[in-house]
């Protein structure tokens, strides 16, 4: 048992790096406290191991490790929807990096023994340098491992969180009072209308998830649709859903890397939530492949999370290690320019970030509703990670730190004709 540090209390160390103060109540195992006493939200650092997590991985990673392992306790918000805490952090959490001498004083006062990192939670993915043994970044083998980490959690768990549509991408709310299911139907239908789908056409849906777009295109538009996914669990669920809905003659989902699709001359391609996994440096080959698979006059709809600018930066340790390993985001300008450089003519784009905030709020509500079942299915730590991730993402979309863009492009024929109407025909 180590001796508690007396020179610097944990609350004092925290307020040193947060000069504007805390927007919630904080207490620690050493008896120190900070923040408003009447705050409905209370964060408690319960152990020395938790302090070691925070000191050895400053920023969101250390806090998440302590939270996942139970060393950082949060009350006043439901673990399935800690949105109010995330909103406070984004609004009022202003971190100040201390000077070297001040940092040394804090560490010495808290105890050098806390600089030995505890083992990370088992839910955490390998650091980037360790993933090299799985292959180069965005190689087929490494992409398959990253997709497995995120999407093969449990189909039952996803059914509880995502709802009956099993759609893990931004919905489009036709009005503020629409249900999640109505909004997901509208999203798929908006994509279909933008692609101008007609009976008998052929659609390729890359990164198809649980087959929502494939089934919608087949059921609502009579389109022969092929979806591909790197998640075996998704492919299995989607194939069963296709059979259950009697769509086998039109719809198919394969467990396959999109780069291995052999068919060509598709009338339309949809990419809904795949670009985030591609890697910015791979955009030329990605858009080049999609361009090659479209017939002249065909359309591409690219739907993905973006940044509000075109400056590349990492996604953050929490997202990379717990949610989207190797995921990368960039602004819509870069996406549009890469599509153009691949030979596409971009005809329309729109930002749906407010819709994603509403979608995430609905997923959080679903998780809270099914909390006990979710914990039984995937374990308390994983359920907490998802509650944190969904609510933090919602706050990010609301604060415009992330966006969601749909980009519609065409492949002009040899004479430069994109076979596009004078005005859009898809409505709102």
Protein backbone atom coordinates (compact mmCIF):
# COMPACT_ATOMS: atom_id res chain seq x y z
CA UNK A 1 0.00 0.00 0.00
CA UNK A 2 1.49 3.34 -1.00
CA UNK A 3 1.41 6.41 1.22
CA UNK A 4 -0.96 9.17 0.15
CA UNK A 5 0.79 12.26 -1.16
CA UNK A 6 0.50 15.25 1.18
CA UNK A 7 2.21 17.95 -0.85
CA UNK A 8 -0.42 18.19 -3.58
CA UNK A 9 -4.00 17.00 -3.31
CA UNK A 10 -5.66 15.47 -6.35
CA UNK A 11 -8.27 18.24 -6.50
CA UNK A 12 -5.52 20.89 -6.32
CA UNK A 13 -3.67 19.23 -9.18
CA UNK A 14 -6.86 19.13 -11.22
CA UNK A 15 -7.74 22.78 -10.66
CA UNK A 16 -4.18 23.74 -11.62
CA UNK A 17 -4.68 22.41 -15.14
CA UNK A 18 -8.30 23.68 -15.27
CA UNK A 19 -7.91 27.34 -14.31
CA UNK A 20 -11.53 28.16 -15.20
CA UNK A 21 -12.73 25.63 -12.66
CA UNK A 22 -14.89 22.53 -12.92
CA UNK A 23 -18.52 22.62 -14.10
CA UNK A 24 -19.38 19.61 -11.90
CA UNK A 25 -18.50 18.26 -8.45
CA UNK A 26 -15.25 16.31 -8.17
CA UNK A 27 -14.02 14.31 -5.21
CA UNK A 28 -11.10 11.94 -4.78
CA UNK A 29 -10.05 9.09 -2.52
CA UNK A 30 -7.57 11.39 -0.74
CA UNK A 31 -10.48 13.45 0.62
CA UNK A 32 -9.97 16.44 -1.64
CA UNK A 33 -12.79 18.06 -3.61
CA UNK A 34 -13.43 20.75 -6.22
CA UNK A 35 -16.28 22.16 -8.23
CA UNK A 36 -19.75 23.32 -7.21
CA UNK A 37 -21.14 21.40 -4.25
CA UNK A 38 -24.69 21.61 -5.55
CA UNK A 39 -23.90 20.18 -8.98
CA UNK A 40 -26.22 17.29 -9.91
CA UNK A 41 -23.27 15.59 -11.63
CA UNK A 42 -20.55 14.13 -9.41
CA UNK A 43 -17.26 12.58 -10.53
CA UNK A 44 -15.32 10.57 -7.96
CA UNK A 45 -11.78 9.24 -8.38
CA UNK A 46 -11.96 6.14 -6.23
CA UNK A 47 -8.47 4.63 -6.26
CA UNK A 48 -4.78 5.11 -6.76
CA UNK A 49 -4.96 2.93 -9.85
CA UNK A 50 -7.37 5.46 -11.34
CA UNK A 51 -4.88 8.25 -10.66
CA UNK A 52 -2.16 6.21 -12.35
CA UNK A 53 -4.35 5.76 -15.42
CA UNK A 54 -4.91 9.51 -15.65
CA UNK A 55 -1.27 10.49 -15.08
CA UNK A 56 0.22 7.92 -17.48
CA UNK A 57 -2.19 8.68 -20.32
CA UNK A 58 -3.12 12.37 -20.04
CA UNK A 59 -6.24 13.44 -21.89
CA UNK A 60 -9.25 11.40 -22.78
CA UNK A 61 -7.50 8.01 -22.86
CA UNK A 62 -6.50 8.00 -19.19
CA UNK A 63 -9.91 9.20 -18.05
CA UNK A 64 -11.65 6.56 -20.14
CA UNK A 65 -9.40 3.80 -18.82
CA UNK A 66 -10.20 4.78 -15.24
CA UNK A 67 -13.92 5.02 -16.04
CA UNK A 68 -14.06 1.67 -17.83
CA UNK A 69 -12.26 -0.09 -14.96
CA UNK A 70 -14.51 1.44 -12.33
CA UNK A 71 -11.84 3.66 -10.78
CA UNK A 72 -13.60 6.84 -11.96
CA UNK A 73 -17.22 6.87 -10.81
CA UNK A 74 -19.85 9.21 -12.28
CA UNK A 75 -23.26 9.84 -10.75
CA UNK A 76 -26.05 12.19 -11.77
CA UNK A 77 -26.20 10.87 -15.33
CA UNK A 78 -27.13 7.44 -16.66
CA UNK A 79 -24.09 5.48 -17.92
CA UNK A 80 -26.04 4.73 -21.08
CA UNK A 81 -26.49 8.45 -21.77
CA UNK A 82 -23.97 10.73 -20.00
CA UNK A 83 -24.76 13.48 -22.51
CA UNK A 84 -25.14 16.28 -19.92
CA UNK A 85 -21.61 15.57 -18.68
CA UNK A 86 -20.22 15.56 -22.22
CA UNK A 87 -21.97 18.85 -22.97
CA UNK A 88 -20.51 20.45 -19.83
CA UNK A 89 -17.04 19.26 -20.76
CA UNK A 90 -17.26 20.67 -24.28
CA UNK A 91 -18.79 23.94 -23.07
CA UNK A 92 -16.72 24.63 -19.97
CA UNK A 93 -13.70 22.30 -19.77
CA UNK A 94 -10.69 24.45 -20.69
CA UNK A 95 -7.44 22.55 -20.14
CA UNK A 96 -4.26 24.51 -19.46
CA UNK A 97 -0.95 22.74 -19.99
CA UNK A 98 1.28 23.60 -17.00
CA UNK A 99 4.85 24.75 -17.38
CA UNK A 100 7.51 22.10 -16.89
CA UNK A 101 8.34 23.21 -13.36
CA UNK A 102 4.68 23.24 -12.35
CA UNK A 103 4.10 19.81 -13.88
CA UNK A 104 7.11 18.46 -11.99
CA UNK A 105 5.77 19.86 -8.72
CA UNK A 106 2.38 18.23 -9.29
CA UNK A 107 3.86 14.84 -10.13
CA UNK A 108 6.23 14.95 -7.17
CA UNK A 109 3.40 15.95 -4.86
CA UNK A 110 1.09 13.22 -6.08
CA UNK A 111 3.81 10.56 -5.94
CA UNK A 112 6.24 9.20 -8.50
CA UNK A 113 4.81 5.72 -7.97
CA UNK A 114 1.74 6.77 -9.94
CA UNK A 115 3.80 7.01 -13.13
CA UNK A 116 3.81 3.24 -13.55
CA UNK A 117 0.99 2.57 -16.03
CA UNK A 118 -1.53 -0.09 -14.99
CA UNK A 119 -2.59 -2.67 -17.58
CA UNK A 120 -5.17 -1.15 -19.96
CA UNK A 121 -8.75 -2.44 -19.91
CA UNK A 122 -9.28 -5.61 -21.99
CA UNK A 123 -11.78 -3.70 -24.18
CA UNK A 124 -8.99 -1.45 -25.48
CA UNK A 125 -7.57 -2.10 -28.93
CA UNK A 126 -3.83 -2.30 -29.55
CA UNK A 127 -1.85 0.93 -29.96
CA UNK A 128 -1.06 1.89 -33.53
CA UNK A 129 2.54 0.66 -33.42
CA UNK A 130 1.39 -2.79 -32.26
CA UNK A 131 -1.18 -2.98 -35.06
CA UNK A 132 1.69 -3.03 -37.55
CA UNK A 133 1.95 -6.76 -36.86
CA UNK A 134 -1.58 -7.10 -38.28
CA UNK A 135 -0.42 -5.45 -41.52
CA UNK A 136 0.21 -1.99 -42.87
CA UNK A 137 -2.41 0.61 -42.08
CA UNK A 138 -5.51 0.13 -44.27
CA UNK A 139 -4.18 -3.10 -45.74
CA UNK A 140 -6.96 -5.64 -46.26
CA UNK A 141 -5.90 -7.74 -43.26
CA UNK A 142 -5.62 -4.80 -40.88
CA UNK A 143 -8.88 -3.24 -42.07
CA UNK A 144 -10.62 -6.55 -41.42
CA UNK A 145 -9.25 -6.58 -37.86
CA UNK A 146 -10.35 -2.98 -37.23
CA UNK A 147 -13.85 -3.63 -38.56
CA UNK A 148 -14.11 -6.79 -36.45
CA UNK A 149 -13.21 -4.80 -33.32
CA UNK A 150 -16.02 -2.31 -33.84
CA UNK A 151 -18.84 -4.07 -35.67
CA UNK A 152 -18.66 -7.63 -34.37
CA UNK A 153 -19.54 -6.67 -30.78
CA UNK A 154 -22.91 -8.45 -30.81
CA UNK A 155 -25.78 -8.29 -33.27
CA UNK A 156 -28.19 -8.51 -30.36
CA UNK A 157 -26.53 -5.51 -28.71
CA UNK A 158 -26.78 -3.51 -31.93
CA UNK A 159 -30.45 -4.42 -32.30
CA UNK A 160 -31.13 -2.85 -28.89
CA UNK A 161 -29.13 0.31 -29.64
CA UNK A 162 -29.96 0.87 -33.32
CA UNK A 163 -33.55 -0.30 -33.30
CA UNK A 164 -35.39 -2.42 -35.89
CA UNK A 165 -33.71 -0.81 -38.92
CA UNK A 166 -30.25 -1.96 -37.75
CA UNK A 167 -28.83 1.16 -39.34
CA UNK A 168 -25.61 2.47 -37.86
CA UNK A 169 -25.39 5.72 -39.83
CA UNK A 170 -26.93 9.17 -39.65
CA UNK A 171 -30.69 9.26 -40.13
CA UNK A 172 -32.50 12.09 -41.93
CA UNK A 173 -35.36 13.56 -39.91
CA UNK A 174 -38.19 14.75 -42.18
CA UNK A 175 -39.49 16.77 -39.20
CA UNK A 176 -38.43 17.31 -35.59
CA UNK A 177 -41.00 14.87 -34.20
CA UNK A 178 -40.12 11.96 -36.48
CA UNK A 179 -39.19 8.63 -34.90
CA UNK A 180 -35.79 7.06 -35.43
CA UNK A 181 -37.31 4.44 -37.73
CA UNK A 182 -39.05 7.08 -39.83
CA UNK A 183 -35.80 9.02 -40.07
CA UNK A 184 -33.75 5.98 -41.10
CA UNK A 185 -36.31 5.13 -43.79
CA UNK A 186 -36.09 8.73 -45.02
CA UNK A 187 -32.27 8.53 -45.12
CA UNK A 188 -32.30 5.44 -47.29
CA UNK A 189 -35.01 6.89 -49.48
CA UNK A 190 -33.13 10.16 -49.88
CA UNK A 191 -30.07 8.22 -51.02
CA UNK A 192 -32.23 6.23 -53.44
CA UNK A 193 -33.84 9.38 -54.85
CA UNK A 194 -30.49 11.12 -55.24
CA UNK A 195 -29.21 8.07 -57.12
CA UNK A 196 -32.40 8.14 -59.22
CA UNK A 197 -32.94 4.42 -58.70
CA UNK A 198 -35.37 2.69 -61.05
CA UNK A 199 -36.61 -0.91 -61.33
CA UNK A 200 -34.07 -3.17 -63.02
CA UNK A 201 -31.04 -1.01 -62.19
CA UNK A 202 -27.96 -2.46 -60.47
CA UNK A 203 -26.70 -0.92 -57.22
CA UNK A 204 -23.45 -1.58 -55.38
CA UNK A 205 -23.46 -0.60 -51.70
CA UNK A 206 -19.92 -0.62 -50.27
CA UNK A 207 -19.55 -1.00 -46.52
CA UNK A 208 -23.19 -2.06 -46.41
CA UNK A 209 -23.48 -2.74 -42.67
CA UNK A 210 -26.51 -4.89 -41.89
CA UNK A 211 -27.86 -4.42 -45.40
CA UNK A 212 -30.32 -1.59 -44.80
CA UNK A 213 -29.68 0.23 -48.08
CA UNK A 214 -29.55 -3.00 -50.06
CA UNK A 215 -32.93 -4.13 -48.73
CA UNK A 216 -34.48 -0.68 -49.14
CA UNK A 217 -33.36 -0.41 -52.77
CA UNK A 218 -34.66 -3.89 -53.58
CA UNK A 219 -37.93 -3.60 -51.66
CA UNK A 220 -38.91 -0.01 -52.50
CA UNK A 221 -37.37 0.45 -55.97
CA UNK A 222 -37.07 -3.01 -57.53
CA UNK A 223 -33.31 -2.60 -57.84
CA UNK A 224 -30.88 -5.52 -58.00
CA UNK A 225 -28.58 -4.59 -55.12
CA UNK A 226 -25.26 -6.01 -53.96
CA UNK A 227 -23.81 -5.04 -50.58
CA UNK A 228 -20.37 -5.89 -49.23
CA UNK A 229 -19.04 -5.69 -45.68
CA UNK A 230 -15.87 -6.70 -43.82
CA UNK A 231 -17.93 -7.76 -40.80
CA UNK A 232 -18.89 -11.43 -40.79
CA UNK A 233 -21.57 -10.76 -38.16
CA UNK A 234 -23.14 -8.04 -40.29
CA UNK A 235 -23.14 -10.22 -43.41
CA UNK A 236 -24.78 -13.08 -41.54
CA UNK A 237 -27.51 -10.83 -40.08
CA UNK A 238 -28.13 -9.08 -43.41
CA UNK A 239 -28.42 -12.34 -45.37
CA UNK A 240 -30.98 -13.64 -42.86
CA UNK A 241 -32.95 -10.39 -43.12
CA UNK A 242 -32.95 -10.58 -46.92
CA UNK A 243 -34.32 -14.11 -46.75
CA UNK A 244 -36.86 -13.15 -44.09
CA UNK A 245 -38.17 -10.33 -46.31
CA UNK A 246 -38.26 -12.51 -49.43
CA UNK A 247 -35.77 -10.36 -51.32
CA UNK A 248 -33.32 -13.09 -52.41
CA UNK A 249 -33.98 -12.50 -56.12
CA UNK A 250 -32.90 -8.86 -55.89
CA UNK A 251 -30.69 -8.37 -52.82
CA UNK A 252 -27.39 -9.91 -51.79
CA UNK A 253 -24.85 -9.15 -49.05
CA UNK A 254 -21.35 -10.64 -49.17
CA UNK A 255 -18.65 -10.86 -46.53
CA UNK A 256 -16.09 -9.20 -48.77
CA UNK A 257 -13.67 -6.30 -49.01
CA UNK A 258 -15.12 -3.73 -51.42
CA UNK A 259 -11.80 -3.79 -53.28
CA UNK A 260 -12.48 -7.42 -54.24
CA UNK A 261 -15.86 -6.85 -55.91
CA UNK A 262 -15.42 -8.32 -59.42
CA UNK A 263 -18.62 -7.01 -61.07
CA UNK A 264 -18.61 -3.80 -63.12
CA UNK A 265 -21.01 -1.44 -64.89
CA UNK A 266 -23.23 -0.69 -61.92
CA UNK A 267 -25.89 1.95 -62.52
CA UNK A 268 -25.32 3.42 -59.07
CA UNK A 269 -23.03 3.09 -56.05
CA UNK A 270 -23.80 4.08 -52.47
CA UNK A 271 -21.15 4.42 -49.78
CA UNK A 272 -22.81 5.10 -46.44
CA UNK A 273 -20.37 5.27 -43.54
CA UNK A 274 -17.39 3.57 -45.20
CA UNK A 275 -15.15 6.53 -46.08
CA UNK A 276 -14.27 7.05 -42.40
CA UNK A 277 -12.43 3.69 -42.49
CA UNK A 278 -10.61 4.17 -45.81
CA UNK A 279 -7.74 6.46 -44.78
CA UNK A 280 -7.24 9.86 -46.39
CA UNK A 281 -4.14 8.76 -48.31
CA UNK A 282 -6.22 6.00 -49.89
CA UNK A 283 -8.91 8.31 -51.27
CA UNK A 284 -7.43 8.29 -54.81
CA UNK A 285 -7.60 4.49 -55.03
CA UNK A 286 -11.00 4.41 -53.29
CA UNK A 287 -12.67 6.89 -55.61
CA UNK A 288 -10.79 5.42 -58.55
CA UNK A 289 -12.20 1.97 -57.79
CA UNK A 290 -15.74 3.31 -57.48
CA UNK A 291 -15.36 5.26 -60.72
CA UNK A 292 -14.15 2.12 -62.47
CA UNK A 293 -17.15 0.09 -61.26
CA UNK A 294 -19.77 2.61 -62.47
CA UNK A 295 -21.15 2.67 -65.99
CA UNK A 296 -21.01 6.03 -67.85
CA UNK A 297 -23.85 8.21 -66.63
CA UNK A 298 -23.98 6.34 -63.31
CA UNK A 299 -24.18 8.07 -59.96
CA UNK A 300 -22.24 7.81 -56.68
CA UNK A 301 -23.61 8.90 -53.30
CA UNK A 302 -20.90 9.22 -50.65
CA UNK A 303 -22.24 9.68 -47.10
CA UNK A 304 -19.68 10.08 -44.32
CA UNK A 305 -18.62 11.84 -41.14
CA UNK A 306 -16.36 14.81 -41.82
CA UNK A 307 -14.48 17.58 -40.06
CA UNK A 308 -15.51 21.25 -40.30
CA UNK A 309 -12.19 22.00 -42.05
CA UNK A 310 -9.71 20.21 -44.29
CA UNK A 311 -6.75 20.07 -41.88
CA UNK A 312 -5.77 16.49 -41.10
CA UNK A 313 -5.48 15.49 -37.44
CA UNK A 314 -5.82 12.27 -35.51
CA UNK A 315 -9.22 11.15 -34.27
CA UNK A 316 -8.10 11.06 -30.61
CA UNK A 317 -6.92 8.19 -28.44
CA UNK A 318 -10.34 7.20 -27.08
CA UNK A 319 -11.92 6.87 -30.53
CA UNK A 320 -8.87 5.12 -31.98
CA UNK A 321 -8.40 2.59 -29.17
CA UNK A 322 -12.01 1.86 -28.25
CA UNK A 323 -14.29 2.73 -31.17
CA UNK A 324 -12.82 3.12 -34.67
CA UNK A 325 -9.27 1.75 -34.86
CA UNK A 326 -7.42 3.39 -37.76
CA UNK A 327 -10.39 5.64 -38.53
CA UNK A 328 -9.65 8.99 -40.19
CA UNK A 329 -11.76 12.08 -40.84
CA UNK A 330 -11.24 15.08 -43.10
CA UNK A 331 -13.35 17.94 -44.45
CA UNK A 332 -15.86 17.69 -47.27
CA UNK A 333 -13.62 19.85 -49.45
CA UNK A 334 -10.96 17.14 -49.54
CA UNK A 335 -13.55 14.48 -50.28
CA UNK A 336 -14.99 16.50 -53.15
CA UNK A 337 -11.59 17.28 -54.65
CA UNK A 338 -10.49 13.63 -54.48
CA UNK A 339 -13.72 12.52 -56.16
CA UNK A 340 -13.18 15.10 -58.88
CA UNK A 341 -9.57 14.04 -59.38
CA UNK A 342 -10.79 10.46 -59.87
CA UNK A 343 -13.00 11.58 -62.76
CA UNK A 344 -16.32 12.20 -61.01
CA UNK A 345 -18.41 15.28 -61.62
CA UNK A 346 -19.74 16.48 -58.26
CA UNK A 347 -23.34 17.66 -58.65
CA UNK A 348 -24.58 18.20 -55.10
CA UNK A 349 -23.48 18.10 -51.47
CA UNK A 350 -25.16 18.81 -48.14
CA UNK A 351 -24.29 18.83 -44.46
CA UNK A 352 -26.58 16.80 -42.18
CA UNK A 353 -24.78 17.25 -38.87
CA UNK A 354 -27.88 18.29 -36.89
CA UNK A 355 -29.56 15.09 -38.08
CA UNK A 356 -26.69 13.01 -36.68
CA UNK A 357 -27.04 14.69 -33.28
CA UNK A 358 -30.71 13.65 -33.27
CA UNK A 359 -29.79 10.13 -34.39
CA UNK A 360 -27.25 9.73 -31.59
CA UNK A 361 -29.71 11.01 -29.01
CA UNK A 362 -32.14 8.29 -30.13
CA UNK A 363 -29.43 5.61 -29.89
CA UNK A 364 -28.57 6.78 -26.37
CA UNK A 365 -32.24 6.54 -25.42
CA UNK A 366 -32.37 3.00 -26.81
CA UNK A 367 -29.30 2.03 -24.81
CA UNK A 368 -30.81 3.40 -21.60
CA UNK A 369 -34.07 1.53 -22.28
CA UNK A 370 -32.21 -1.74 -22.79
CA UNK A 371 -29.43 -1.08 -20.30
CA UNK A 372 -29.79 -4.21 -18.19
CA UNK A 373 -30.00 -6.45 -21.26
CA UNK A 374 -27.02 -4.67 -22.86
CA UNK A 375 -24.89 -5.15 -19.75
CA UNK A 376 -25.83 -8.82 -19.65
CA UNK A 377 -24.97 -9.21 -23.34
CA UNK A 378 -21.65 -7.36 -23.65
CA UNK A 379 -20.60 -6.57 -20.09
CA UNK A 380 -20.72 -3.40 -17.99
CA UNK A 381 -17.43 -1.91 -19.30
CA UNK A 382 -18.40 -2.21 -22.98
CA UNK A 383 -21.89 -0.85 -22.33
CA UNK A 384 -20.34 2.16 -20.52
CA UNK A 385 -17.96 2.74 -23.43
CA UNK A 386 -20.88 2.91 -25.85
CA UNK A 387 -22.89 5.26 -23.66
CA UNK A 388 -19.87 7.56 -23.45
CA UNK A 389 -19.08 7.35 -27.15
CA UNK A 390 -22.61 8.02 -28.39
CA UNK A 391 -23.20 10.97 -26.06
CA UNK A 392 -19.78 12.51 -26.73
CA UNK A 393 -20.39 12.21 -30.47
CA UNK A 394 -23.79 13.87 -30.12
CA UNK A 395 -22.17 16.81 -28.33
CA UNK A 396 -19.52 16.95 -31.06
CA UNK A 397 -22.09 17.25 -33.83
CA UNK A 398 -24.01 19.89 -31.90
CA UNK A 399 -20.83 21.92 -31.30
CA UNK A 400 -19.73 21.61 -34.96
CA UNK A 401 -16.51 19.78 -34.17
CA UNK A 402 -17.67 17.04 -36.56
CA UNK A 403 -20.12 17.03 -39.47
CA UNK A 404 -21.89 14.61 -41.81
CA UNK A 405 -21.79 15.23 -45.55
CA UNK A 406 -23.53 13.60 -48.46
CA UNK A 407 -21.76 14.14 -51.78
CA UNK A 408 -23.54 13.19 -55.01
CA UNK A 409 -21.38 12.69 -58.08
CA UNK A 410 -21.77 11.31 -61.58
CA UNK A 411 -19.51 9.55 -64.07
CA UNK A 412 -19.82 11.50 -67.33
CA UNK A 413 -19.82 9.52 -70.56
CA UNK A 414 -17.20 9.93 -73.31
CA UNK A 415 -18.91 13.11 -74.57
CA UNK A 416 -19.06 14.66 -71.09
CA UNK A 417 -22.78 13.99 -70.61
CA UNK A 418 -23.62 13.22 -66.98
CA UNK A 419 -27.25 12.36 -67.78
CA UNK A 420 -28.31 14.71 -65.01
CA UNK A 421 -31.52 16.81 -65.03
CA UNK A 422 -31.45 20.59 -65.17
CA UNK A 423 -32.65 20.72 -61.55
CA UNK A 424 -32.56 18.15 -58.74
CA UNK A 425 -35.57 15.83 -58.64
CA UNK A 426 -35.24 14.18 -55.24
CA UNK A 427 -36.98 16.81 -53.10
CA UNK A 428 -36.03 17.45 -49.49
